[in-house]
Amino acid sequence: MIDDQTMLAIATLVAKLFELGGIGVIVIGALYAAGAFGTSLVTRPAEGEDRVAAFRRMLGRAILTGLELLVAADIIRTVAIDPTLESVLVLGIIVVIRTFLSFSLEVEIDGRWPWQKERAPEPPAKHGGG
């Protein structure tokens, strides 16, 4: 049987690993997006707007994924390590703020709210006389 001290130490370690994972995902994703942007400047110099949009999408996805991992760390820390009313309230505020950020980033990346259906592609315009 695992005693309380060992369980607390494991929960603390897991929360820290989730935090490090979240930070790592954001940093590595930002570096990857910047690298892809820089590479596209050299290989495809005529695609200005598309490059910026692709960079923003990659960076936004990295931030979203990192935020999810950071929220998981906060939940573990609050539920397993410090389950006080104050820590639960702080967690609630953090989750609300991060959820708002996630929704904002989702709208920025996809151009629609997460609960909206994906837009159907526009039908091709008919050409020719008729």
C-alpha atoms as a PDB file:
ATOM      1  CA  MET A   1       0.000   0.000   0.000  1.00  0.00           C
ATOM      2  CA  ILE A   2       1.282   3.479  -0.843  1.00  0.00           C
ATOM      3  CA  ASP A   3       1.426   5.877   2.081  1.00  0.00           C
ATOM      4  CA  ASP A   4       0.202   9.487   1.891  1.00  0.00           C
ATOM      5  CA  GLN A   5       3.684  11.025   1.628  1.00  0.00           C
ATOM      6  CA  THR A   6       4.599   8.821  -1.331  1.00  0.00           C
ATOM      7  CA  MET A   7       1.278   9.525  -3.046  1.00  0.00           C
ATOM      8  CA  LEU A   8       1.756  13.267  -2.539  1.00  0.00           C
ATOM      9  CA  ALA A   9       5.281  13.067  -3.939  1.00  0.00           C
ATOM     10  CA  ILE A  10       4.046  11.154  -6.992  1.00  0.00           C
ATOM     11  CA  ALA A  11       1.204  13.632  -7.605  1.00  0.00           C
ATOM     12  CA  THR A  12       3.622  16.551  -7.285  1.00  0.00           C
ATOM     13  CA  LEU A  13       6.026  14.932  -9.738  1.00  0.00           C
ATOM     14  CA  VAL A  14       3.252  14.187 -12.236  1.00  0.00           C
ATOM     15  CA  ALA A  15       1.967  17.783 -12.014  1.00  0.00           C
ATOM     16  CA  LYS A  16       5.486  19.116 -12.609  1.00  0.00           C
ATOM     17  CA  LEU A  17       5.932  16.790 -15.580  1.00  0.00           C
ATOM     18  CA  PHE A  18       2.679  18.053 -17.102  1.00  0.00           C
ATOM     19  CA  GLU A  19       3.836  21.637 -16.545  1.00  0.00           C
ATOM     20  CA  LEU A  20       7.191  20.937 -18.162  1.00  0.00           C
ATOM     21  CA  GLY A  21       5.419  19.177 -21.022  1.00  0.00           C
ATOM     22  CA  GLY A  22       3.117  22.160 -21.555  1.00  0.00           C
ATOM     23  CA  ILE A  23       6.002  24.607 -21.526  1.00  0.00           C
ATOM     24  CA  GLY A  24       8.020  22.348 -23.802  1.00  0.00           C
ATOM     25  CA  VAL A  25       5.196  21.995 -26.310  1.00  0.00           C
ATOM     26  CA  ILE A  26       4.765  25.769 -26.480  1.00  0.00           C
ATOM     27  CA  VAL A  27       8.511  26.466 -26.842  1.00  0.00           C
ATOM     28  CA  ILE A  28       9.193  23.667 -29.332  1.00  0.00           C
ATOM     29  CA  GLY A  29       6.043  24.527 -31.295  1.00  0.00           C
ATOM     30  CA  ALA A  30       7.036  28.197 -31.459  1.00  0.00           C
ATOM     31  CA  LEU A  31      10.538  27.307 -32.617  1.00  0.00           C
ATOM     32  CA  TYR A  32       9.150  24.883 -35.200  1.00  0.00           C
ATOM     33  CA  ALA A  33       6.663  27.464 -36.492  1.00  0.00           C
ATOM     34  CA  ALA A  34       9.406  30.098 -36.696  1.00  0.00           C
ATOM     35  CA  GLY A  35      11.699  27.655 -38.504  1.00  0.00           C
ATOM     36  CA  ALA A  36       8.991  26.704 -40.987  1.00  0.00           C
ATOM     37  CA  PHE A  37       8.239  30.404 -41.539  1.00  0.00           C
ATOM     38  CA  GLY A  38      11.921  31.176 -42.112  1.00  0.00           C
ATOM     39  CA  THR A  39      12.286  28.244 -44.483  1.00  0.00           C
ATOM     40  CA  SER A  40       9.245  29.352 -46.456  1.00  0.00           C
ATOM     41  CA  LEU A  41      10.760  32.831 -46.819  1.00  0.00           C
ATOM     42  CA  VAL A  42      13.713  31.284 -48.607  1.00  0.00           C
ATOM     43  CA  THR A  43      11.948  28.585 -50.624  1.00  0.00           C
ATOM     44  CA  ARG A  44       8.709  30.372 -51.587  1.00  0.00           C
ATOM     45  CA  PRO A  45       9.292  34.144 -51.463  1.00  0.00           C
ATOM     46  CA  ALA A  46       6.078  35.041 -53.340  1.00  0.00           C
ATOM     47  CA  GLU A  47       3.580  33.570 -50.842  1.00  0.00           C
ATOM     48  CA  GLY A  48       3.484  36.370 -48.237  1.00  0.00           C
ATOM     49  CA  GLU A  49       0.000  36.112 -46.758  1.00  0.00           C
ATOM     50  CA  ASP A  50      -0.132  32.313 -46.873  1.00  0.00           C
ATOM     51  CA  ARG A  51       3.140  32.085 -44.938  1.00  0.00           C
ATOM     52  CA  VAL A  52       1.923  34.356 -42.162  1.00  0.00           C
ATOM     53  CA  ALA A  53      -1.364  32.439 -41.887  1.00  0.00           C
ATOM     54  CA  ALA A  54       0.496  29.107 -41.743  1.00  0.00           C
ATOM     55  CA  PHE A  55       2.861  30.462 -39.074  1.00  0.00           C
ATOM     56  CA  ARG A  56      -0.055  31.692 -36.969  1.00  0.00           C
ATOM     57  CA  ARG A  57      -1.857  28.346 -37.299  1.00  0.00           C
ATOM     58  CA  MET A  58       1.211  26.366 -36.230  1.00  0.00           C
ATOM     59  CA  LEU A  59       1.956  28.698 -33.334  1.00  0.00           C
ATOM     60  CA  GLY A  60      -1.694  28.743 -32.235  1.00  0.00           C
ATOM     61  CA  ARG A  61      -1.906  24.947 -32.232  1.00  0.00           C
ATOM     62  CA  ALA A  62       1.272  24.704 -30.128  1.00  0.00           C
ATOM     63  CA  ILE A  63      -0.097  27.214 -27.634  1.00  0.00           C
ATOM     64  CA  LEU A  64      -3.456  25.415 -27.460  1.00  0.00           C
ATOM     65  CA  THR A  65      -1.795  22.062 -26.810  1.00  0.00           C
ATOM     66  CA  GLY A  66       0.514  23.574 -24.206  1.00  0.00           C
ATOM     67  CA  LEU A  67      -2.416  25.256 -22.453  1.00  0.00           C
ATOM     68  CA  GLU A  68      -4.248  21.934 -22.243  1.00  0.00           C
ATOM     69  CA  LEU A  69      -1.245  20.322 -20.561  1.00  0.00           C
ATOM     70  CA  LEU A  70      -0.896  23.258 -18.150  1.00  0.00           C
ATOM     71  CA  VAL A  71      -4.586  22.969 -17.220  1.00  0.00           C
ATOM     72  CA  ALA A  72      -4.071  19.255 -16.563  1.00  0.00           C
ATOM     73  CA  ALA A  73      -1.166  20.108 -14.251  1.00  0.00           C
ATOM     74  CA  ASP A  74      -3.308  22.658 -12.400  1.00  0.00           C
ATOM     75  CA  ILE A  75      -6.100  20.123 -11.955  1.00  0.00           C
ATOM     76  CA  ILE A  76      -3.718  17.480 -10.612  1.00  0.00           C
ATOM     77  CA  ARG A  77      -2.118  19.970  -8.260  1.00  0.00           C
ATOM     78  CA  THR A  78      -5.458  21.233  -6.956  1.00  0.00           C
ATOM     79  CA  VAL A  79      -7.228  17.898  -6.584  1.00  0.00           C
ATOM     80  CA  ALA A  80      -4.360  15.738  -5.355  1.00  0.00           C
ATOM     81  CA  ILE A  81      -1.919  18.101  -3.667  1.00  0.00           C
ATOM     82  CA  ASP A  82      -3.732  21.108  -2.234  1.00  0.00           C
ATOM     83  CA  PRO A  83      -7.517  20.494  -2.146  1.00  0.00           C
ATOM     84  CA  THR A  84      -8.507  23.669  -0.267  1.00  0.00           C
ATOM     85  CA  LEU A  85     -11.403  25.941  -1.124  1.00  0.00           C
ATOM     86  CA  GLU A  86      -8.971  28.716  -2.027  1.00  0.00           C
ATOM     87  CA  SER A  87      -6.994  26.493  -4.413  1.00  0.00           C
ATOM     88  CA  VAL A  88     -10.212  25.249  -6.042  1.00  0.00           C
ATOM     89  CA  LEU A  89     -11.349  28.852  -6.595  1.00  0.00           C
ATOM     90  CA  VAL A  90      -7.967  29.781  -8.061  1.00  0.00           C
ATOM     91  CA  LEU A  91      -8.152  26.700 -10.304  1.00  0.00           C
ATOM     92  CA  GLY A  92     -11.620  27.745 -11.445  1.00  0.00           C
ATOM     93  CA  ILE A  93     -10.368  31.210 -12.384  1.00  0.00           C
ATOM     94  CA  ILE A  94      -7.328  29.765 -14.174  1.00  0.00           C
ATOM     95  CA  VAL A  95      -9.490  27.303 -16.119  1.00  0.00           C
ATOM     96  CA  VAL A  96     -11.925  30.070 -17.133  1.00  0.00           C
ATOM     97  CA  ILE A  97      -9.066  32.274 -18.353  1.00  0.00           C
ATOM     98  CA  ARG A  98      -7.365  29.425 -20.209  1.00  0.00           C
ATOM     99  CA  THR A  99     -10.651  28.278 -21.716  1.00  0.00           C
ATOM    100  CA  PHE A 100     -11.267  31.805 -22.999  1.00  0.00           C
ATOM    101  CA  LEU A 101      -7.747  31.857 -24.450  1.00  0.00           C
ATOM    102  CA  SER A 102      -8.299  28.449 -26.052  1.00  0.00           C
ATOM    103  CA  PHE A 103     -11.570  29.531 -27.652  1.00  0.00           C
ATOM    104  CA  SER A 104      -9.987  32.772 -28.862  1.00  0.00           C
ATOM    105  CA  LEU A 105      -7.081  30.886 -30.392  1.00  0.00           C
ATOM    106  CA  GLU A 106      -9.431  28.353 -31.980  1.00  0.00           C
ATOM    107  CA  VAL A 107     -11.381  31.170 -33.629  1.00  0.00           C
ATOM    108  CA  GLU A 108      -8.139  32.776 -34.744  1.00  0.00           C
ATOM    109  CA  ILE A 109      -6.819  29.518 -36.229  1.00  0.00           C
ATOM    110  CA  ASP A 110      -9.962  28.063 -37.832  1.00  0.00           C
ATOM    111  CA  GLY A 111     -12.112  31.159 -38.313  1.00  0.00           C
ATOM    112  CA  ARG A 112     -15.043  29.622 -36.414  1.00  0.00           C
ATOM    113  CA  TRP A 113     -16.086  28.728 -32.884  1.00  0.00           C
ATOM    114  CA  PRO A 114     -15.164  25.196 -31.758  1.00  0.00           C
ATOM    115  CA  TRP A 115     -18.821  24.125 -31.580  1.00  0.00           C
ATOM    116  CA  GLN A 116     -19.650  25.350 -35.084  1.00  0.00           C
ATOM    117  CA  LYS A 117     -19.618  22.908 -37.958  1.00  0.00           C
ATOM    118  CA  GLU A 118     -16.768  23.150 -40.385  1.00  0.00           C
ATOM    119  CA  ARG A 119     -17.614  25.335 -43.320  1.00  0.00           C
ATOM    120  CA  ALA A 120     -18.415  23.476 -46.510  1.00  0.00           C
ATOM    121  CA  PRO A 121     -16.139  24.387 -49.412  1.00  0.00           C
ATOM    122  CA  GLU A 122     -17.537  26.893 -51.870  1.00  0.00           C
ATOM    123  CA  PRO A 123     -18.873  25.271 -55.056  1.00  0.00           C
ATOM    124  CA  PRO A 124     -16.771  26.184 -58.100  1.00  0.00           C
ATOM    125  CA  ALA A 125     -18.113  29.128 -60.074  1.00  0.00           C
ATOM    126  CA  LYS A 126     -19.569  28.252 -63.454  1.00  0.00           C
ATOM    127  CA  HIS A 127     -17.739  29.783 -66.370  1.00  0.00           C
ATOM    128  CA  GLY A 128     -18.850  30.234 -69.896  1.00  0.00           C
ATOM    129  CA  GLY A 129     -21.769  31.692 -71.733  1.00  0.00           C
ATOM    130  CA  GLY A 130     -25.197  30.499 -71.303  1.00  0.00           C
END
